[in-house]
Amino acid sequence: MQFLSRHLKRLCTTLVLSGPLGFGAVHAEPAYEPMLDYHPTSIFAQVGQPVGRLRTLTSFGRSGCTAFLISPTHLMTNEHCIGDRHWDHKTKTWLPRTVQSVKVEMGAVDPNDNQRIDTYSVQMPPLEMNEALDYAILNVTGNPADKYGYLAISTAKPAFKMPLWIIGHPKLKVQQISRLHCRVIQHARPHKHRLHHTCPTAGGNSGSPVFDASTHEVIAINHARYSAEVRDVGLAVPFHIIAAQSPLLRAIIGNQ
């Protein structure tokens, strides 16, 4: 565990973090689009239904990320969104924190209609989490998948220039989709166990599902960004890497 902490600390010194909302941002002026712009029967709106806005109350206050349903009872997000440590931007170090409650808001699409938002309790501690790969699998109560469904996960290895979508809650706004200039890239200084992408994101996109735009399956979980010399590069953790280390995820995928 000490090795994992050192590994992530070194990674964070090279990542550009996105304010109090956590990791996960790419581009100064993100070109993501409100999901409300698309008809509810569109493929974008349909695959976005199992994606929710995660609200976490900790000893440092309130924070938020994105999370998504992967089974009738399981929710997935980044480990740093619900873990017992807080990234301090001034000192660039992890500080211990206490997580007091975690909830997920489903159906947050229309900024003028909060009555359509359903809030579900997320059980702590997580069923499984991994600091190095920055993921957590948790139980969610209230059967949200009965209404919103859950996402299909693919363990196929992402291909260079594969077109992508990212659906989430940047800046904790209502649900947005990133499609423009959104693809897998190769990087001169690749991060181990990470997919590099050019999808526009912002703080709050941590934990967002990364979709193969051709199959509409989730191939990775959005994680952070890397500030390169020319442009910011997004980082996500591919599911073929997570599944290789997670018996729980393999069992969930086997039951999908």
Protein backbone atom coordinates (compact mmCIF):
# COMPACT_ATOMS: atom_id res chain seq x y z
CA MET A 1 0.00 0.00 0.00
CA GLN A 2 2.91 2.38 0.70
CA PHE A 3 4.18 1.68 -2.80
CA LEU A 4 0.78 2.49 -4.28
CA SER A 5 0.62 5.74 -2.32
CA ARG A 6 4.06 6.77 -3.54
CA HIS A 7 3.13 5.79 -7.09
CA LEU A 8 -0.01 7.93 -7.08
CA LYS A 9 1.75 10.82 -5.38
CA ARG A 10 4.38 10.87 -8.13
CA LEU A 11 1.65 10.74 -10.74
CA CYS A 12 -0.22 13.64 -9.15
CA THR A 13 2.84 15.89 -9.32
CA THR A 14 2.66 15.66 -13.13
CA LEU A 15 -1.12 15.75 -13.47
CA VAL A 16 -3.06 18.98 -13.69
CA LEU A 17 -5.83 18.67 -11.14
CA SER A 18 -9.10 20.48 -11.64
CA GLY A 19 -9.80 22.51 -8.54
CA PRO A 20 -11.89 21.33 -5.58
CA LEU A 21 -13.90 18.98 -7.79
CA GLY A 22 -11.00 16.59 -8.23
CA PHE A 23 -9.11 15.24 -11.23
CA GLY A 24 -10.51 14.74 -14.67
CA ALA A 25 -10.26 17.90 -16.76
CA VAL A 26 -9.04 18.51 -20.31
CA HIS A 27 -9.16 21.83 -22.24
CA ALA A 28 -9.59 25.35 -20.84
CA GLU A 29 -12.90 25.85 -22.64
CA PRO A 30 -14.46 22.40 -22.90
CA ALA A 31 -16.57 21.66 -25.96
CA TYR A 32 -18.93 19.27 -24.24
CA GLU A 33 -22.66 19.42 -24.98
CA PRO A 34 -25.69 19.33 -22.66
CA MET A 35 -27.50 16.01 -22.90
CA LEU A 36 -30.72 18.03 -22.81
CA ASP A 37 -29.95 19.12 -26.39
CA TYR A 38 -30.68 15.57 -27.57
CA HIS A 39 -34.03 13.79 -27.77
CA PRO A 40 -34.64 11.32 -24.91
CA THR A 41 -34.82 8.46 -27.44
CA SER A 42 -31.46 9.35 -29.03
CA ILE A 43 -28.59 6.93 -28.56
CA PHE A 44 -26.71 9.58 -26.56
CA ALA A 45 -29.54 10.04 -24.05
CA GLN A 46 -30.18 6.31 -23.83
CA VAL A 47 -26.59 5.32 -22.99
CA GLY A 48 -26.38 8.28 -20.62
CA GLN A 49 -29.26 7.14 -18.41
CA PRO A 50 -27.11 4.94 -16.09
CA VAL A 51 -24.65 7.82 -15.54
CA GLY A 52 -25.12 9.85 -12.37
CA ARG A 53 -23.73 12.75 -10.39
CA LEU A 54 -21.87 11.60 -7.27
CA ARG A 55 -22.13 13.74 -4.13
CA THR A 56 -19.65 13.08 -1.34
CA LEU A 57 -19.65 14.69 2.12
CA THR A 58 -16.25 14.54 3.83
CA SER A 59 -14.35 16.18 6.65
CA PHE A 60 -13.12 18.69 4.05
CA GLY A 61 -16.65 19.56 2.94
CA ARG A 62 -18.65 18.57 -0.11
CA SER A 63 -17.19 17.31 -3.36
CA GLY A 64 -18.49 15.65 -6.48
CA CYS A 65 -17.64 13.37 -9.36
CA THR A 66 -19.40 11.19 -11.90
CA ALA A 67 -20.41 7.57 -11.33
CA PHE A 68 -22.23 4.95 -13.38
CA LEU A 69 -24.25 1.79 -12.85
CA ILE A 70 -22.60 -1.45 -13.99
CA SER A 71 -25.19 -3.91 -12.61
CA PRO A 72 -28.56 -3.77 -10.82
CA THR A 73 -26.76 -3.08 -7.52
CA HIS A 74 -23.21 -1.94 -8.38
CA LEU A 75 -21.90 1.55 -9.02
CA MET A 76 -18.45 2.51 -10.26
CA THR A 77 -16.40 5.69 -9.89
CA ASN A 78 -12.80 6.79 -9.24
CA GLU A 79 -11.19 5.75 -5.97
CA HIS A 80 -10.06 9.32 -5.34
CA CYS A 81 -13.71 10.45 -5.37
CA ILE A 82 -14.67 8.40 -2.31
CA GLY A 83 -11.32 7.47 -0.72
CA ASP A 84 -9.99 8.47 2.68
CA ARG A 85 -7.55 11.06 1.33
CA HIS A 86 -7.86 14.59 0.01
CA TRP A 87 -5.58 16.15 -2.60
CA ASP A 88 -4.33 19.51 -1.37
CA HIS A 89 -3.58 21.75 -4.34
CA LYS A 90 -1.41 24.17 -2.37
CA THR A 91 0.98 21.63 -0.89
CA LYS A 92 0.47 19.04 -3.65
CA THR A 93 0.14 16.28 -1.10
CA TRP A 94 -2.54 13.86 0.03
CA LEU A 95 -4.16 14.64 3.38
CA PRO A 96 -6.26 12.17 5.39
CA ARG A 97 -10.01 12.72 5.39
CA THR A 98 -13.16 11.06 6.67
CA VAL A 99 -15.98 10.24 4.24
CA GLN A 100 -19.30 10.84 5.98
CA SER A 101 -21.81 10.03 3.24
CA VAL A 102 -22.00 9.27 -0.48
CA LYS A 103 -25.07 9.68 -2.68
CA VAL A 104 -25.68 9.47 -6.40
CA GLU A 105 -28.17 11.61 -8.32
CA MET A 106 -29.69 9.99 -11.38
CA GLY A 107 -31.62 11.81 -14.09
CA ALA A 108 -29.85 15.16 -13.62
CA VAL A 109 -30.32 16.35 -17.20
CA ASP A 110 -32.52 19.47 -17.07
CA PRO A 111 -31.11 22.37 -14.99
CA ASN A 112 -34.64 23.76 -14.58
CA ASP A 113 -36.28 20.54 -13.41
CA ASN A 114 -34.78 19.17 -10.20
CA GLN A 115 -37.95 17.21 -9.49
CA ARG A 116 -36.88 14.61 -12.04
CA ILE A 117 -33.67 13.87 -10.14
CA ASP A 118 -33.67 10.66 -8.12
CA THR A 119 -31.18 10.40 -5.26
CA TYR A 120 -29.86 7.06 -4.03
CA SER A 121 -27.63 6.18 -1.09
CA VAL A 122 -24.26 4.60 -1.81
CA GLN A 123 -22.94 2.19 0.79
CA MET A 124 -19.51 2.68 2.30
CA PRO A 125 -16.92 1.25 2.44
CA PRO A 126 -16.56 0.19 -1.19
CA LEU A 127 -16.81 -3.46 -2.10
CA GLU A 128 -13.51 -3.06 -3.92
CA MET A 129 -11.16 -0.20 -4.67
CA ASN A 130 -7.71 0.20 -6.13
CA GLU A 131 -5.60 3.27 -5.52
CA ALA A 132 -3.11 2.66 -8.33
CA LEU A 133 -5.82 2.10 -10.96
CA ASP A 134 -8.09 4.71 -9.33
CA TYR A 135 -11.38 2.83 -9.37
CA ALA A 136 -13.97 1.83 -6.80
CA ILE A 137 -16.96 -0.51 -6.98
CA LEU A 138 -19.74 0.18 -4.51
CA ASN A 139 -23.21 -1.04 -3.61
CA VAL A 140 -26.05 1.36 -4.30
CA THR A 141 -29.43 1.03 -2.58
CA GLY A 142 -32.94 1.65 -3.91
CA ASN A 143 -32.68 -0.31 -7.18
CA PRO A 144 -31.82 2.62 -9.51
CA ALA A 145 -31.14 0.19 -12.39
CA ASP A 146 -34.86 -0.67 -12.49
CA LYS A 147 -35.44 2.83 -13.89
CA TYR A 148 -32.09 3.79 -15.41
CA GLY A 149 -30.52 0.49 -16.46
CA TYR A 150 -26.79 -0.18 -16.38
CA LEU A 151 -23.91 0.08 -18.82
CA ALA A 152 -22.33 -2.70 -20.85
CA ILE A 153 -18.60 -3.03 -20.19
CA SER A 154 -16.09 -4.15 -22.79
CA THR A 155 -12.65 -5.53 -21.98
CA ALA A 156 -11.46 -5.07 -25.56
CA LYS A 157 -8.17 -3.22 -25.79
CA PRO A 158 -8.75 0.34 -27.10
CA ALA A 159 -7.31 0.94 -30.55
CA PHE A 160 -5.33 3.97 -31.69
CA LYS A 161 -7.64 6.69 -33.06
CA MET A 162 -10.74 4.87 -31.79
CA PRO A 163 -13.59 7.43 -31.62
CA LEU A 164 -14.87 7.98 -28.10
CA TRP A 165 -17.68 9.56 -26.09
CA ILE A 166 -17.47 10.64 -22.47
CA ILE A 167 -20.69 11.23 -20.55
CA GLY A 168 -20.60 12.86 -17.14
CA HIS A 169 -21.17 15.88 -14.94
CA PRO A 170 -18.33 18.39 -15.58
CA LYS A 171 -18.26 21.09 -12.91
CA LEU A 172 -21.16 19.12 -11.38
CA LYS A 173 -23.50 20.55 -13.98
CA VAL A 174 -26.35 18.56 -15.44
CA GLN A 175 -25.27 15.70 -17.67
CA GLN A 176 -23.01 16.54 -20.61
CA ILE A 177 -21.54 14.53 -23.47
CA SER A 178 -18.08 15.00 -24.99
CA ARG A 179 -17.87 13.95 -28.66
CA LEU A 180 -15.89 16.63 -30.49
CA HIS A 181 -12.26 15.75 -31.23
CA CYS A 182 -12.73 12.78 -28.93
CA ARG A 183 -10.48 9.80 -29.67
CA VAL A 184 -7.71 7.55 -28.41
CA ILE A 185 -4.22 8.91 -29.01
CA GLN A 186 -0.66 7.76 -28.53
CA HIS A 187 1.58 9.89 -26.36
CA ALA A 188 5.33 10.34 -26.36
CA ARG A 189 5.37 9.98 -22.56
CA PRO A 190 2.66 7.42 -21.87
CA HIS A 191 1.41 6.70 -18.36
CA LYS A 192 1.39 3.04 -17.39
CA HIS A 193 -2.03 1.38 -17.42
CA ARG A 194 -3.70 4.48 -18.88
CA LEU A 195 -5.58 5.27 -22.06
CA HIS A 196 -4.69 8.69 -23.49
CA HIS A 197 -7.52 10.67 -25.08
CA THR A 198 -8.40 14.11 -26.44
CA CYS A 199 -12.00 14.31 -25.18
CA PRO A 200 -13.05 17.67 -23.69
CA THR A 201 -13.73 17.32 -19.95
CA ALA A 202 -13.71 19.41 -16.78
CA GLY A 203 -13.54 18.93 -13.03
CA GLY A 204 -16.38 16.63 -12.05
CA ASN A 205 -15.73 14.29 -14.98
CA SER A 206 -13.69 12.07 -12.70
CA GLY A 207 -15.32 8.66 -12.76
CA SER A 208 -17.07 9.24 -16.09
CA PRO A 209 -17.52 6.26 -18.41
CA VAL A 210 -15.50 6.36 -21.62
CA PHE A 211 -17.45 4.80 -24.49
CA ASP A 212 -16.33 3.19 -27.72
CA ALA A 213 -18.42 5.39 -30.02
CA SER A 214 -18.88 2.51 -32.47
CA THR A 215 -20.18 -0.17 -30.07
CA HIS A 216 -21.62 2.12 -27.35
CA GLU A 217 -19.86 -0.04 -24.75
CA VAL A 218 -17.77 1.36 -21.90
CA ILE A 219 -14.08 0.67 -22.43
CA ALA A 220 -12.51 2.82 -19.70
CA ILE A 221 -13.16 5.04 -16.70
CA ASN A 222 -12.02 8.67 -16.93
CA HIS A 223 -9.34 9.49 -14.39
CA ALA A 224 -7.35 12.71 -14.84
CA ARG A 225 -5.45 14.80 -17.33
CA TYR A 226 -1.83 15.29 -18.21
CA SER A 227 -0.61 18.77 -19.10
CA ALA A 228 1.58 18.29 -22.14
CA GLU A 229 3.68 20.91 -23.89
CA VAL A 230 1.19 21.52 -26.70
CA ARG A 231 -2.18 20.44 -25.29
CA ASP A 232 -3.79 18.71 -22.37
CA VAL A 233 -4.19 14.97 -22.68
CA GLY A 234 -6.91 13.07 -20.88
CA LEU A 235 -6.17 9.90 -18.96
CA ALA A 236 -8.54 6.99 -18.43
CA VAL A 237 -8.08 3.49 -17.05
CA PRO A 238 -9.08 0.78 -19.57
CA PHE A 239 -11.39 -1.97 -18.38
CA HIS A 240 -9.23 -4.74 -19.80
CA ILE A 241 -6.59 -3.69 -17.25
CA ILE A 242 -9.04 -3.34 -14.36
CA ALA A 243 -10.72 -6.67 -15.10
CA ALA A 244 -7.37 -8.44 -15.08
CA GLN A 245 -6.98 -7.47 -11.41
CA SER A 246 -10.60 -7.51 -10.25
CA PRO A 247 -12.48 -10.77 -9.66
CA LEU A 248 -15.55 -8.75 -8.71
CA LEU A 249 -15.59 -6.84 -11.99
CA ARG A 250 -15.05 -10.05 -13.98
CA ALA A 251 -18.04 -11.60 -12.22
CA ILE A 252 -20.20 -8.52 -12.93
CA ILE A 253 -19.21 -8.53 -16.61
CA GLY A 254 -19.94 -12.26 -16.80
CA ASN A 255 -23.49 -11.62 -15.58
CA GLN A 256 -24.24 -8.74 -17.94
